[in-house]
N, C-alpha and C. Protein backbone atom coordinates (compact mmCIF):
# COMPACT_ATOMS: atom_id res chain seq x y z
N MET A 1 7.06 -10.65 14.50
CA MET A 1 7.40 -9.28 14.11
C MET A 1 8.21 -9.32 12.80
N LEU A 2 7.79 -8.54 11.84
CA LEU A 2 8.46 -8.53 10.54
C LEU A 2 9.79 -7.79 10.65
N SER A 3 10.87 -8.40 10.14
CA SER A 3 12.18 -7.77 10.17
C SER A 3 12.26 -6.66 9.13
N HIS A 4 13.23 -5.79 9.30
CA HIS A 4 13.42 -4.69 8.34
C HIS A 4 13.72 -5.25 6.95
N SER A 5 14.52 -6.31 6.89
CA SER A 5 14.87 -6.88 5.58
C SER A 5 13.65 -7.46 4.88
N GLU A 6 12.70 -8.02 5.65
CA GLU A 6 11.47 -8.55 5.04
C GLU A 6 10.59 -7.42 4.53
N ARG A 7 10.56 -6.31 5.26
CA ARG A 7 9.81 -5.14 4.78
C ARG A 7 10.41 -4.63 3.47
N ILE A 8 11.73 -4.59 3.42
CA ILE A 8 12.39 -4.11 2.20
C ILE A 8 12.12 -5.06 1.04
N LYS A 9 12.04 -6.35 1.31
CA LYS A 9 11.71 -7.32 0.27
C LYS A 9 10.34 -7.02 -0.33
N ILE A 10 9.37 -6.72 0.52
CA ILE A 10 8.04 -6.36 0.05
C ILE A 10 8.10 -5.10 -0.81
N VAL A 11 8.80 -4.09 -0.30
CA VAL A 11 8.90 -2.80 -0.98
C VAL A 11 9.54 -2.96 -2.36
N LYS A 12 10.63 -3.70 -2.43
CA LYS A 12 11.32 -3.88 -3.72
C LYS A 12 10.43 -4.61 -4.73
N ARG A 13 9.66 -5.57 -4.23
CA ARG A 13 8.79 -6.30 -5.16
C ARG A 13 7.66 -5.41 -5.67
N VAL A 14 7.11 -4.58 -4.79
CA VAL A 14 6.08 -3.63 -5.23
C VAL A 14 6.67 -2.65 -6.24
N ALA A 15 7.89 -2.18 -5.98
CA ALA A 15 8.53 -1.22 -6.89
C ALA A 15 8.66 -1.77 -8.30
N GLU A 16 8.80 -3.08 -8.44
CA GLU A 16 8.88 -3.68 -9.77
C GLU A 16 7.59 -3.47 -10.57
N GLU A 17 6.48 -3.29 -9.87
CA GLU A 17 5.18 -3.13 -10.53
C GLU A 17 4.91 -1.69 -10.96
N LEU A 18 5.71 -0.75 -10.48
CA LEU A 18 5.48 0.66 -10.77
C LEU A 18 6.21 1.05 -12.05
N LYS A 19 5.53 1.79 -12.89
CA LYS A 19 6.05 2.12 -14.22
C LYS A 19 6.50 3.57 -14.30
N GLU A 20 7.49 3.78 -15.14
CA GLU A 20 8.01 5.12 -15.41
C GLU A 20 6.87 6.08 -15.75
N GLY A 21 6.90 7.25 -15.10
CA GLY A 21 5.94 8.31 -15.43
C GLY A 21 4.60 8.22 -14.73
N GLU A 22 4.37 7.17 -13.93
CA GLU A 22 3.07 7.04 -13.26
C GLU A 22 2.97 8.00 -12.07
N VAL A 23 1.73 8.38 -11.76
CA VAL A 23 1.43 9.13 -10.54
C VAL A 23 1.03 8.10 -9.48
N VAL A 24 1.80 8.04 -8.39
CA VAL A 24 1.65 6.98 -7.40
C VAL A 24 1.42 7.58 -6.02
N ASN A 25 0.36 7.15 -5.35
CA ASN A 25 0.11 7.55 -3.98
C ASN A 25 0.58 6.44 -3.05
N LEU A 26 1.28 6.83 -1.98
CA LEU A 26 1.82 5.86 -1.03
C LEU A 26 1.10 5.97 0.30
N GLY A 27 0.53 4.86 0.76
CA GLY A 27 -0.20 4.84 2.01
C GLY A 27 0.70 4.72 3.22
N VAL A 28 0.08 4.59 4.38
CA VAL A 28 0.79 4.51 5.66
C VAL A 28 1.43 3.13 5.82
N GLY A 29 2.55 3.10 6.55
CA GLY A 29 3.21 1.82 6.85
C GLY A 29 4.28 1.47 5.83
N ILE A 30 4.30 0.21 5.42
CA ILE A 30 5.32 -0.28 4.50
C ILE A 30 5.44 0.56 3.23
N PRO A 31 4.33 1.03 2.63
CA PRO A 31 4.47 1.84 1.40
C PRO A 31 5.34 3.09 1.54
N THR A 32 5.48 3.62 2.76
CA THR A 32 6.29 4.84 2.93
C THR A 32 7.77 4.60 2.63
N LEU A 33 8.19 3.33 2.58
CA LEU A 33 9.60 3.01 2.30
C LEU A 33 9.91 3.02 0.81
N ILE A 34 8.90 3.03 -0.03
CA ILE A 34 9.08 2.86 -1.47
C ILE A 34 9.97 3.92 -2.12
N PRO A 35 9.88 5.21 -1.74
CA PRO A 35 10.72 6.21 -2.43
C PRO A 35 12.22 5.91 -2.41
N ASP A 36 12.67 5.13 -1.45
CA ASP A 36 14.11 4.82 -1.34
C ASP A 36 14.54 3.63 -2.19
N TYR A 37 13.58 2.99 -2.88
CA TYR A 37 13.90 1.75 -3.60
C TYR A 37 13.35 1.74 -5.03
N LEU A 38 13.31 2.92 -5.64
CA LEU A 38 12.81 3.02 -7.01
C LEU A 38 13.92 2.97 -8.05
N GLY A 39 15.17 3.02 -7.61
CA GLY A 39 16.28 2.99 -8.55
C GLY A 39 16.25 4.19 -9.48
N ASP A 40 16.40 3.94 -10.77
CA ASP A 40 16.42 5.03 -11.75
C ASP A 40 15.04 5.36 -12.30
N LYS A 41 14.01 4.68 -11.83
CA LYS A 41 12.66 4.96 -12.33
C LYS A 41 12.22 6.36 -11.92
N LYS A 42 11.67 7.08 -12.86
CA LYS A 42 11.16 8.42 -12.58
C LYS A 42 9.64 8.38 -12.61
N MET A 43 9.04 8.71 -11.48
CA MET A 43 7.59 8.77 -11.39
C MET A 43 7.20 9.91 -10.47
N PHE A 44 5.93 10.16 -10.34
CA PHE A 44 5.43 11.28 -9.56
C PHE A 44 4.74 10.73 -8.31
N LEU A 45 5.40 10.87 -7.17
CA LEU A 45 4.86 10.35 -5.92
C LEU A 45 3.98 11.41 -5.28
N GLN A 46 2.72 11.05 -5.05
CA GLN A 46 1.73 11.99 -4.52
C GLN A 46 1.42 11.68 -3.09
N SER A 47 1.28 12.71 -2.27
CA SER A 47 0.89 12.54 -0.87
C SER A 47 -0.39 13.32 -0.65
N GLU A 48 -1.35 12.69 0.03
CA GLU A 48 -2.69 13.28 0.10
C GLU A 48 -2.76 14.55 0.93
N ASN A 49 -1.68 14.87 1.69
CA ASN A 49 -1.69 16.14 2.41
C ASN A 49 -1.31 17.32 1.52
N GLY A 50 -1.07 17.06 0.21
CA GLY A 50 -0.89 18.17 -0.73
C GLY A 50 0.48 18.28 -1.35
N LEU A 51 0.99 17.19 -1.90
CA LEU A 51 2.32 17.19 -2.51
C LEU A 51 2.34 16.27 -3.72
N LEU A 52 2.93 16.76 -4.79
CA LEU A 52 3.22 15.91 -5.94
C LEU A 52 4.71 16.08 -6.24
N GLY A 53 5.45 14.97 -6.19
CA GLY A 53 6.88 15.04 -6.42
C GLY A 53 7.70 14.74 -5.18
N MET A 54 7.27 13.75 -4.40
CA MET A 54 7.98 13.35 -3.19
C MET A 54 9.25 12.61 -3.55
N GLY A 55 10.34 12.96 -2.88
CA GLY A 55 11.61 12.30 -3.10
C GLY A 55 11.93 11.29 -2.01
N PRO A 56 13.16 10.77 -2.00
CA PRO A 56 13.54 9.77 -0.99
C PRO A 56 13.65 10.36 0.41
N THR A 57 13.80 9.48 1.38
CA THR A 57 13.93 9.90 2.78
C THR A 57 15.19 10.75 2.96
N PRO A 58 15.08 11.89 3.67
CA PRO A 58 16.27 12.73 3.87
C PRO A 58 17.26 12.11 4.83
N ALA A 59 18.51 12.52 4.68
CA ALA A 59 19.52 12.14 5.67
C ALA A 59 19.14 12.76 7.02
N GLU A 60 19.61 12.15 8.10
CA GLU A 60 19.21 12.61 9.44
C GLU A 60 19.51 14.08 9.66
N ASP A 61 20.63 14.56 9.13
CA ASP A 61 21.01 15.96 9.31
C ASP A 61 20.14 16.91 8.49
N ASP A 62 19.41 16.38 7.51
CA ASP A 62 18.62 17.22 6.62
C ASP A 62 17.12 17.16 6.89
N ILE A 63 16.72 16.50 7.96
CA ILE A 63 15.30 16.37 8.26
C ILE A 63 14.70 17.73 8.65
N ASP A 64 13.59 18.05 8.02
CA ASP A 64 12.80 19.24 8.33
C ASP A 64 11.37 18.77 8.56
N MET A 65 10.91 18.80 9.80
CA MET A 65 9.59 18.25 10.11
C MET A 65 8.45 19.13 9.62
N ASP A 66 8.75 20.24 8.95
CA ASP A 66 7.72 20.97 8.21
C ASP A 66 7.46 20.32 6.85
N LEU A 67 8.37 19.42 6.44
CA LEU A 67 8.22 18.70 5.18
C LEU A 67 7.96 17.24 5.49
N ILE A 68 6.68 16.89 5.54
CA ILE A 68 6.30 15.53 5.91
C ILE A 68 5.24 15.00 4.95
N SER A 69 5.16 13.68 4.89
CA SER A 69 4.13 13.02 4.09
C SER A 69 2.84 12.94 4.89
N ALA A 70 1.80 12.37 4.27
CA ALA A 70 0.54 12.15 4.98
C ALA A 70 0.72 11.18 6.14
N SER A 71 1.79 10.39 6.09
CA SER A 71 2.11 9.46 7.17
C SER A 71 2.95 10.10 8.27
N LYS A 72 3.15 11.43 8.14
CA LYS A 72 3.95 12.19 9.11
C LYS A 72 5.41 11.77 9.13
N LYS A 73 5.90 11.24 8.00
CA LYS A 73 7.30 10.88 7.86
C LYS A 73 8.06 12.00 7.15
N PRO A 74 9.31 12.29 7.55
CA PRO A 74 10.08 13.33 6.85
C PRO A 74 10.36 12.94 5.41
N ILE A 75 10.28 13.91 4.52
CA ILE A 75 10.45 13.65 3.09
C ILE A 75 11.38 14.68 2.47
N THR A 76 11.72 14.44 1.23
CA THR A 76 12.40 15.44 0.41
C THR A 76 11.52 15.73 -0.80
N PHE A 77 11.85 16.81 -1.51
CA PHE A 77 11.16 17.15 -2.74
C PHE A 77 11.99 16.70 -3.93
N ASP A 78 11.33 16.11 -4.90
CA ASP A 78 11.98 15.80 -6.17
C ASP A 78 12.02 17.08 -7.00
N VAL A 79 12.84 17.09 -8.06
CA VAL A 79 12.91 18.25 -8.95
C VAL A 79 11.53 18.51 -9.56
N GLY A 80 11.05 19.74 -9.46
CA GLY A 80 9.76 20.09 -10.03
C GLY A 80 8.57 19.79 -9.14
N ALA A 81 8.82 19.44 -7.87
CA ALA A 81 7.72 19.12 -6.95
C ALA A 81 6.80 20.33 -6.76
N SER A 82 5.54 20.04 -6.47
CA SER A 82 4.58 21.13 -6.23
C SER A 82 3.81 20.85 -4.95
N LEU A 83 3.44 21.94 -4.27
CA LEU A 83 2.65 21.88 -3.04
C LEU A 83 1.30 22.53 -3.29
N PHE A 84 0.25 21.96 -2.68
CA PHE A 84 -1.09 22.51 -2.85
C PHE A 84 -1.92 22.09 -1.64
N ASP A 85 -3.14 22.62 -1.54
CA ASP A 85 -3.92 22.27 -0.35
C ASP A 85 -4.55 20.89 -0.50
N SER A 86 -5.02 20.36 0.61
CA SER A 86 -5.52 18.98 0.61
C SER A 86 -6.78 18.83 -0.23
N SER A 87 -7.56 19.90 -0.38
CA SER A 87 -8.75 19.79 -1.23
C SER A 87 -8.37 19.52 -2.67
N ASP A 88 -7.31 20.16 -3.17
CA ASP A 88 -6.83 19.88 -4.53
C ASP A 88 -6.26 18.46 -4.61
N SER A 89 -5.60 18.03 -3.54
CA SER A 89 -5.06 16.68 -3.51
C SER A 89 -6.17 15.64 -3.65
N PHE A 90 -7.27 15.86 -2.92
CA PHE A 90 -8.38 14.91 -3.01
C PHE A 90 -9.14 15.03 -4.32
N LEU A 91 -9.10 16.19 -4.96
CA LEU A 91 -9.65 16.31 -6.31
C LEU A 91 -8.87 15.42 -7.27
N MET A 92 -7.54 15.39 -7.10
CA MET A 92 -6.71 14.49 -7.92
C MET A 92 -7.12 13.04 -7.73
N ILE A 93 -7.31 12.67 -6.46
CA ILE A 93 -7.64 11.27 -6.13
C ILE A 93 -9.03 10.91 -6.64
N ARG A 94 -10.02 11.75 -6.30
CA ARG A 94 -11.40 11.45 -6.67
C ARG A 94 -11.64 11.60 -8.16
N GLY A 95 -10.81 12.40 -8.81
CA GLY A 95 -10.97 12.62 -10.24
C GLY A 95 -10.31 11.57 -11.11
N GLY A 96 -9.71 10.55 -10.49
CA GLY A 96 -9.11 9.46 -11.25
C GLY A 96 -7.75 9.78 -11.84
N HIS A 97 -7.01 10.70 -11.20
CA HIS A 97 -5.70 11.11 -11.73
C HIS A 97 -4.53 10.38 -11.06
N ILE A 98 -4.82 9.44 -10.14
CA ILE A 98 -3.79 8.63 -9.50
C ILE A 98 -3.71 7.30 -10.25
N ASP A 99 -2.56 7.02 -10.84
CA ASP A 99 -2.41 5.77 -11.59
C ASP A 99 -2.38 4.55 -10.68
N VAL A 100 -1.64 4.68 -9.57
CA VAL A 100 -1.49 3.55 -8.65
C VAL A 100 -1.55 4.04 -7.21
N ALA A 101 -2.31 3.36 -6.38
CA ALA A 101 -2.26 3.57 -4.94
C ALA A 101 -1.62 2.33 -4.32
N VAL A 102 -0.56 2.55 -3.56
CA VAL A 102 0.08 1.46 -2.81
C VAL A 102 -0.31 1.64 -1.36
N LEU A 103 -1.11 0.71 -0.84
CA LEU A 103 -1.71 0.87 0.47
C LEU A 103 -1.36 -0.29 1.39
N GLY A 104 -1.39 -0.02 2.69
CA GLY A 104 -1.33 -1.08 3.68
C GLY A 104 -2.73 -1.64 3.88
N ALA A 105 -2.85 -2.69 4.66
CA ALA A 105 -4.17 -3.28 4.90
C ALA A 105 -4.22 -3.97 6.24
N LEU A 106 -5.40 -3.94 6.85
CA LEU A 106 -5.67 -4.72 8.04
C LEU A 106 -6.17 -6.10 7.65
N GLN A 107 -6.99 -6.14 6.61
CA GLN A 107 -7.49 -7.40 6.05
C GLN A 107 -7.71 -7.22 4.54
N VAL A 108 -7.57 -8.33 3.82
CA VAL A 108 -7.95 -8.38 2.40
C VAL A 108 -8.68 -9.71 2.22
N ASP A 109 -9.87 -9.67 1.60
CA ASP A 109 -10.57 -10.93 1.42
C ASP A 109 -10.18 -11.58 0.09
N GLU A 110 -10.69 -12.80 -0.14
CA GLU A 110 -10.23 -13.57 -1.30
C GLU A 110 -10.73 -13.04 -2.63
N THR A 111 -11.61 -12.01 -2.60
CA THR A 111 -12.02 -11.34 -3.84
C THR A 111 -11.21 -10.07 -4.09
N GLY A 112 -10.41 -9.65 -3.08
CA GLY A 112 -9.61 -8.44 -3.21
C GLY A 112 -10.20 -7.23 -2.50
N GLU A 113 -11.31 -7.42 -1.77
CA GLU A 113 -11.89 -6.30 -1.02
C GLU A 113 -11.00 -6.00 0.19
N VAL A 114 -10.81 -4.71 0.47
CA VAL A 114 -9.80 -4.27 1.43
C VAL A 114 -10.45 -3.61 2.65
N ALA A 115 -9.89 -3.88 3.82
CA ALA A 115 -10.21 -3.15 5.05
C ALA A 115 -8.90 -2.56 5.56
N ASN A 116 -8.82 -1.24 5.60
CA ASN A 116 -7.53 -0.65 6.02
C ASN A 116 -7.67 0.64 6.81
N TRP A 117 -8.82 0.83 7.47
CA TRP A 117 -8.94 2.10 8.18
C TRP A 117 -9.45 1.99 9.61
N ALA A 118 -10.05 0.87 10.00
CA ALA A 118 -10.60 0.79 11.35
C ALA A 118 -10.62 -0.64 11.86
N VAL A 119 -10.37 -0.78 13.16
CA VAL A 119 -10.50 -2.06 13.86
C VAL A 119 -11.70 -1.95 14.80
N PRO A 120 -12.66 -2.87 14.72
CA PRO A 120 -13.84 -2.79 15.58
C PRO A 120 -13.46 -2.67 17.05
N GLY A 121 -14.09 -1.71 17.73
CA GLY A 121 -13.86 -1.53 19.16
C GLY A 121 -12.71 -0.62 19.52
N GLU A 122 -11.94 -0.19 18.53
CA GLU A 122 -10.81 0.70 18.80
C GLU A 122 -11.14 2.12 18.32
N THR A 123 -10.69 3.11 19.09
CA THR A 123 -10.92 4.51 18.73
C THR A 123 -9.99 4.92 17.60
N ILE A 124 -10.55 5.64 16.62
CA ILE A 124 -9.75 6.13 15.51
C ILE A 124 -10.00 7.62 15.32
N LEU A 125 -9.07 8.29 14.64
CA LEU A 125 -9.22 9.72 14.36
C LEU A 125 -10.14 9.96 13.17
N GLY A 126 -10.18 9.01 12.24
CA GLY A 126 -11.00 9.18 11.05
C GLY A 126 -10.48 8.30 9.94
N VAL A 127 -11.22 8.28 8.84
CA VAL A 127 -10.87 7.38 7.75
C VAL A 127 -9.69 7.89 6.92
N GLY A 128 -9.39 9.20 6.99
CA GLY A 128 -8.31 9.74 6.17
C GLY A 128 -8.66 9.62 4.70
N GLY A 129 -7.67 9.25 3.88
CA GLY A 129 -7.90 9.13 2.45
C GLY A 129 -8.14 7.72 1.96
N ALA A 130 -8.29 6.77 2.89
CA ALA A 130 -8.35 5.36 2.49
C ALA A 130 -9.47 5.09 1.49
N MET A 131 -10.69 5.52 1.82
CA MET A 131 -11.82 5.21 0.94
C MET A 131 -11.71 5.92 -0.40
N ASP A 132 -11.19 7.15 -0.38
CA ASP A 132 -11.02 7.90 -1.63
C ASP A 132 -10.02 7.21 -2.55
N LEU A 133 -8.93 6.73 -1.98
CA LEU A 133 -7.90 6.07 -2.78
C LEU A 133 -8.38 4.73 -3.33
N VAL A 134 -9.10 3.97 -2.48
CA VAL A 134 -9.64 2.69 -2.94
C VAL A 134 -10.57 2.91 -4.13
N ALA A 135 -11.38 3.96 -4.06
CA ALA A 135 -12.37 4.21 -5.12
C ALA A 135 -11.75 4.91 -6.33
N GLY A 136 -10.75 5.79 -6.09
CA GLY A 136 -10.32 6.68 -7.16
C GLY A 136 -9.09 6.29 -7.94
N ALA A 137 -8.20 5.49 -7.36
CA ALA A 137 -6.96 5.13 -8.07
C ALA A 137 -7.26 4.14 -9.19
N LYS A 138 -6.51 4.25 -10.28
CA LYS A 138 -6.73 3.35 -11.42
C LYS A 138 -6.29 1.92 -11.10
N ARG A 139 -5.29 1.80 -10.23
CA ARG A 139 -4.77 0.48 -9.86
C ARG A 139 -4.44 0.50 -8.38
N MET A 140 -4.68 -0.61 -7.67
CA MET A 140 -4.44 -0.67 -6.23
C MET A 140 -3.58 -1.88 -5.89
N ILE A 141 -2.43 -1.61 -5.29
CA ILE A 141 -1.52 -2.65 -4.83
C ILE A 141 -1.46 -2.58 -3.30
N ILE A 142 -1.62 -3.72 -2.65
CA ILE A 142 -1.52 -3.78 -1.19
C ILE A 142 -0.13 -4.30 -0.81
N ALA A 143 0.53 -3.58 0.07
CA ALA A 143 1.83 -4.00 0.62
C ALA A 143 1.63 -4.25 2.10
N SER A 144 1.73 -5.51 2.52
CA SER A 144 1.35 -5.85 3.89
C SER A 144 2.10 -7.06 4.39
N ILE A 145 2.25 -7.15 5.71
CA ILE A 145 2.73 -8.39 6.30
C ILE A 145 1.63 -9.44 6.17
N HIS A 146 2.01 -10.70 6.20
CA HIS A 146 1.07 -11.78 5.93
C HIS A 146 0.13 -12.04 7.10
N LEU A 147 0.65 -11.91 8.32
CA LEU A 147 -0.13 -12.15 9.53
C LEU A 147 -0.16 -10.88 10.38
N SER A 148 -1.22 -10.71 11.13
CA SER A 148 -1.30 -9.58 12.05
C SER A 148 -0.32 -9.77 13.20
N LYS A 149 -0.16 -8.73 14.01
CA LYS A 149 0.75 -8.84 15.16
C LYS A 149 0.28 -9.89 16.16
N ASP A 150 -1.01 -10.25 16.10
CA ASP A 150 -1.55 -11.31 16.96
C ASP A 150 -1.45 -12.69 16.31
N GLY A 151 -0.88 -12.74 15.11
CA GLY A 151 -0.72 -14.02 14.43
C GLY A 151 -1.92 -14.46 13.61
N ASP A 152 -2.89 -13.56 13.42
CA ASP A 152 -4.08 -13.90 12.64
C ASP A 152 -3.84 -13.62 11.15
N PRO A 153 -4.41 -14.44 10.27
CA PRO A 153 -4.25 -14.18 8.83
C PRO A 153 -4.86 -12.84 8.44
N LYS A 154 -4.15 -12.10 7.62
CA LYS A 154 -4.70 -10.86 7.06
C LYS A 154 -5.45 -11.14 5.76
N LEU A 155 -5.11 -12.24 5.11
CA LEU A 155 -5.82 -12.65 3.91
C LEU A 155 -6.93 -13.61 4.33
N VAL A 156 -8.17 -13.12 4.28
CA VAL A 156 -9.29 -13.83 4.89
C VAL A 156 -10.36 -14.18 3.85
N LYS A 157 -11.22 -15.12 4.21
CA LYS A 157 -12.33 -15.47 3.31
C LYS A 157 -13.30 -14.30 3.16
N LYS A 158 -13.64 -13.68 4.29
CA LYS A 158 -14.59 -12.56 4.29
C LYS A 158 -14.13 -11.55 5.33
N LEU A 159 -14.22 -10.26 5.00
CA LEU A 159 -13.79 -9.22 5.92
C LEU A 159 -14.59 -9.26 7.21
N THR A 160 -13.89 -9.09 8.34
CA THR A 160 -14.57 -8.89 9.62
C THR A 160 -14.34 -7.47 10.13
N PHE A 161 -13.46 -6.72 9.48
CA PHE A 161 -13.24 -5.31 9.77
C PHE A 161 -14.04 -4.48 8.77
N PRO A 162 -14.30 -3.20 9.08
CA PRO A 162 -15.06 -2.35 8.16
C PRO A 162 -14.36 -2.20 6.81
N THR A 163 -15.12 -2.38 5.74
CA THR A 163 -14.55 -2.30 4.41
C THR A 163 -14.12 -0.88 4.06
N SER A 164 -13.16 -0.77 3.18
CA SER A 164 -12.73 0.54 2.67
C SER A 164 -13.43 0.89 1.36
N GLY A 165 -14.27 -0.01 0.86
CA GLY A 165 -15.00 0.26 -0.37
C GLY A 165 -15.17 -1.01 -1.18
N ASN A 166 -16.08 -0.94 -2.14
CA ASN A 166 -16.36 -2.11 -2.97
C ASN A 166 -15.29 -2.39 -4.01
N ARG A 167 -14.48 -1.39 -4.33
CA ARG A 167 -13.43 -1.56 -5.32
C ARG A 167 -12.42 -2.60 -4.82
N LYS A 168 -11.97 -3.48 -5.71
CA LYS A 168 -11.07 -4.56 -5.33
C LYS A 168 -9.61 -4.19 -5.60
N ALA A 169 -8.73 -4.75 -4.79
CA ALA A 169 -7.29 -4.62 -5.05
C ALA A 169 -6.91 -5.42 -6.29
N ASP A 170 -5.86 -4.98 -6.96
CA ASP A 170 -5.33 -5.72 -8.11
C ASP A 170 -4.29 -6.74 -7.68
N MET A 171 -3.59 -6.44 -6.59
CA MET A 171 -2.47 -7.29 -6.18
C MET A 171 -2.19 -7.06 -4.70
N ILE A 172 -1.66 -8.09 -4.04
CA ILE A 172 -1.12 -7.93 -2.69
C ILE A 172 0.25 -8.60 -2.66
N VAL A 173 1.20 -7.90 -2.02
CA VAL A 173 2.55 -8.42 -1.84
C VAL A 173 2.81 -8.52 -0.33
N THR A 174 3.15 -9.73 0.13
CA THR A 174 3.56 -9.93 1.52
C THR A 174 5.00 -10.43 1.53
N GLU A 175 5.52 -10.69 2.74
CA GLU A 175 6.88 -11.21 2.82
C GLU A 175 6.99 -12.63 2.27
N HIS A 176 5.85 -13.30 2.11
CA HIS A 176 5.87 -14.68 1.65
C HIS A 176 5.48 -14.87 0.19
N ALA A 177 4.61 -14.01 -0.32
CA ALA A 177 4.05 -14.31 -1.64
C ALA A 177 3.45 -13.08 -2.31
N VAL A 178 3.22 -13.23 -3.61
CA VAL A 178 2.52 -12.23 -4.42
C VAL A 178 1.24 -12.88 -4.94
N PHE A 179 0.12 -12.22 -4.70
CA PHE A 179 -1.17 -12.69 -5.19
C PHE A 179 -1.79 -11.62 -6.09
N LYS A 180 -2.50 -12.05 -7.12
CA LYS A 180 -3.29 -11.14 -7.94
C LYS A 180 -4.75 -11.54 -7.88
N PHE A 181 -5.61 -10.56 -8.06
CA PHE A 181 -7.05 -10.79 -8.01
C PHE A 181 -7.64 -10.56 -9.40
N ARG A 182 -8.38 -11.55 -9.87
CA ARG A 182 -9.03 -11.44 -11.18
C ARG A 182 -10.41 -12.06 -11.10
N GLU A 183 -11.41 -11.28 -11.47
CA GLU A 183 -12.79 -11.75 -11.54
C GLU A 183 -13.23 -12.43 -10.24
N GLY A 184 -12.89 -11.80 -9.13
CA GLY A 184 -13.34 -12.28 -7.83
C GLY A 184 -12.59 -13.46 -7.27
N LYS A 185 -11.47 -13.81 -7.92
CA LYS A 185 -10.67 -14.94 -7.44
C LYS A 185 -9.23 -14.48 -7.17
N MET A 186 -8.58 -15.22 -6.30
CA MET A 186 -7.24 -14.88 -5.84
C MET A 186 -6.24 -15.91 -6.39
N TYR A 187 -5.20 -15.41 -7.04
CA TYR A 187 -4.24 -16.29 -7.69
C TYR A 187 -2.85 -16.06 -7.10
N LEU A 188 -2.17 -17.14 -6.75
CA LEU A 188 -0.77 -17.08 -6.34
C LEU A 188 0.09 -16.96 -7.58
N VAL A 189 0.89 -15.89 -7.67
CA VAL A 189 1.72 -15.71 -8.86
C VAL A 189 3.22 -15.83 -8.56
N GLU A 190 3.58 -15.73 -7.28
CA GLU A 190 5.01 -15.81 -6.95
C GLU A 190 5.18 -16.07 -5.46
N ILE A 191 6.13 -16.93 -5.10
CA ILE A 191 6.50 -17.15 -3.71
C ILE A 191 7.81 -16.40 -3.44
N LEU A 192 7.85 -15.63 -2.35
CA LEU A 192 9.00 -14.77 -2.07
C LEU A 192 9.87 -15.27 -0.92
N SER A 193 9.44 -16.32 -0.24
CA SER A 193 10.24 -16.87 0.86
C SER A 193 10.45 -18.36 0.63
N ASP A 194 11.02 -19.03 1.61
CA ASP A 194 11.26 -20.48 1.46
C ASP A 194 10.06 -21.30 1.93
N ILE A 195 8.91 -20.68 2.03
CA ILE A 195 7.69 -21.36 2.46
C ILE A 195 7.18 -22.28 1.35
N SER A 196 6.57 -23.40 1.74
CA SER A 196 5.94 -24.28 0.76
C SER A 196 4.50 -23.82 0.51
N ILE A 197 3.91 -24.29 -0.57
CA ILE A 197 2.52 -23.93 -0.84
C ILE A 197 1.61 -24.46 0.26
N LYS A 198 1.91 -25.65 0.77
CA LYS A 198 1.12 -26.20 1.88
C LYS A 198 1.19 -25.29 3.10
N GLN A 199 2.39 -24.85 3.46
CA GLN A 199 2.56 -23.96 4.60
C GLN A 199 1.87 -22.61 4.35
N LEU A 200 1.94 -22.14 3.10
CA LEU A 200 1.30 -20.87 2.75
C LEU A 200 -0.22 -20.97 2.94
N ARG A 201 -0.79 -22.10 2.55
CA ARG A 201 -2.23 -22.28 2.74
C ARG A 201 -2.60 -22.31 4.22
N GLU A 202 -1.71 -22.82 5.06
CA GLU A 202 -1.99 -22.92 6.49
C GLU A 202 -2.06 -21.56 7.15
N ILE A 203 -1.35 -20.56 6.60
CA ILE A 203 -1.36 -19.21 7.20
C ILE A 203 -2.20 -18.23 6.38
N THR A 204 -2.92 -18.74 5.40
CA THR A 204 -3.76 -17.92 4.54
C THR A 204 -5.18 -18.45 4.60
N GLU A 205 -6.05 -17.70 5.29
CA GLU A 205 -7.44 -18.15 5.40
C GLU A 205 -8.15 -18.09 4.06
N ALA A 206 -7.82 -17.09 3.26
CA ALA A 206 -8.44 -16.93 1.95
C ALA A 206 -8.08 -18.09 1.03
N LYS A 207 -9.02 -18.49 0.22
CA LYS A 207 -8.76 -19.54 -0.77
C LYS A 207 -8.06 -18.93 -1.97
N PHE A 208 -6.96 -19.55 -2.41
CA PHE A 208 -6.26 -19.05 -3.57
C PHE A 208 -5.96 -20.18 -4.55
N ILE A 209 -5.78 -19.80 -5.80
CA ILE A 209 -5.48 -20.75 -6.88
C ILE A 209 -3.98 -20.67 -7.16
N SER A 210 -3.32 -21.81 -7.13
CA SER A 210 -1.86 -21.82 -7.33
C SER A 210 -1.52 -22.42 -8.69
């Protein structure tokens, strides 16, 4: 089980990749923590349920469950935030107006292809915005734990879960390492824990270049 401090480590490292003024969509799971760790950076956080200008998590006394993200988490509004219907939100996504999508993942293969919406044999409500974001965002960063709750590698040679689209991720950040994908290959660019490269290879099914 990933500790809260390890989740925050992932979030802070992803935040380093986000640039001032970008329009950023935050997916379910670890990405929902990002608004609290942006420091002085000013950017436009978009939520697919119809919000541009999401602020940090509200204090417990200020929670209003009518103000929630697509992940059903309580949010605040940044100065100048705007609300609109979900059809306009998806027009933004499909029209290529999202600079960065920060998404969770069930699996990522060694070319950067992502599976993040369904587990075979399990009932789901629907795909949500996963496929639209994978296809429409200009840049895609995956924020994920390194192993599944069953201890299986999430970074795999080939997806065994349904793909979210042919578009490849640009980067994945886990509690152990940062990888980038270029021309169908996976490169280790940074180690974030006290793990050795040998140990990292043992828990990473995908082949990577160090």
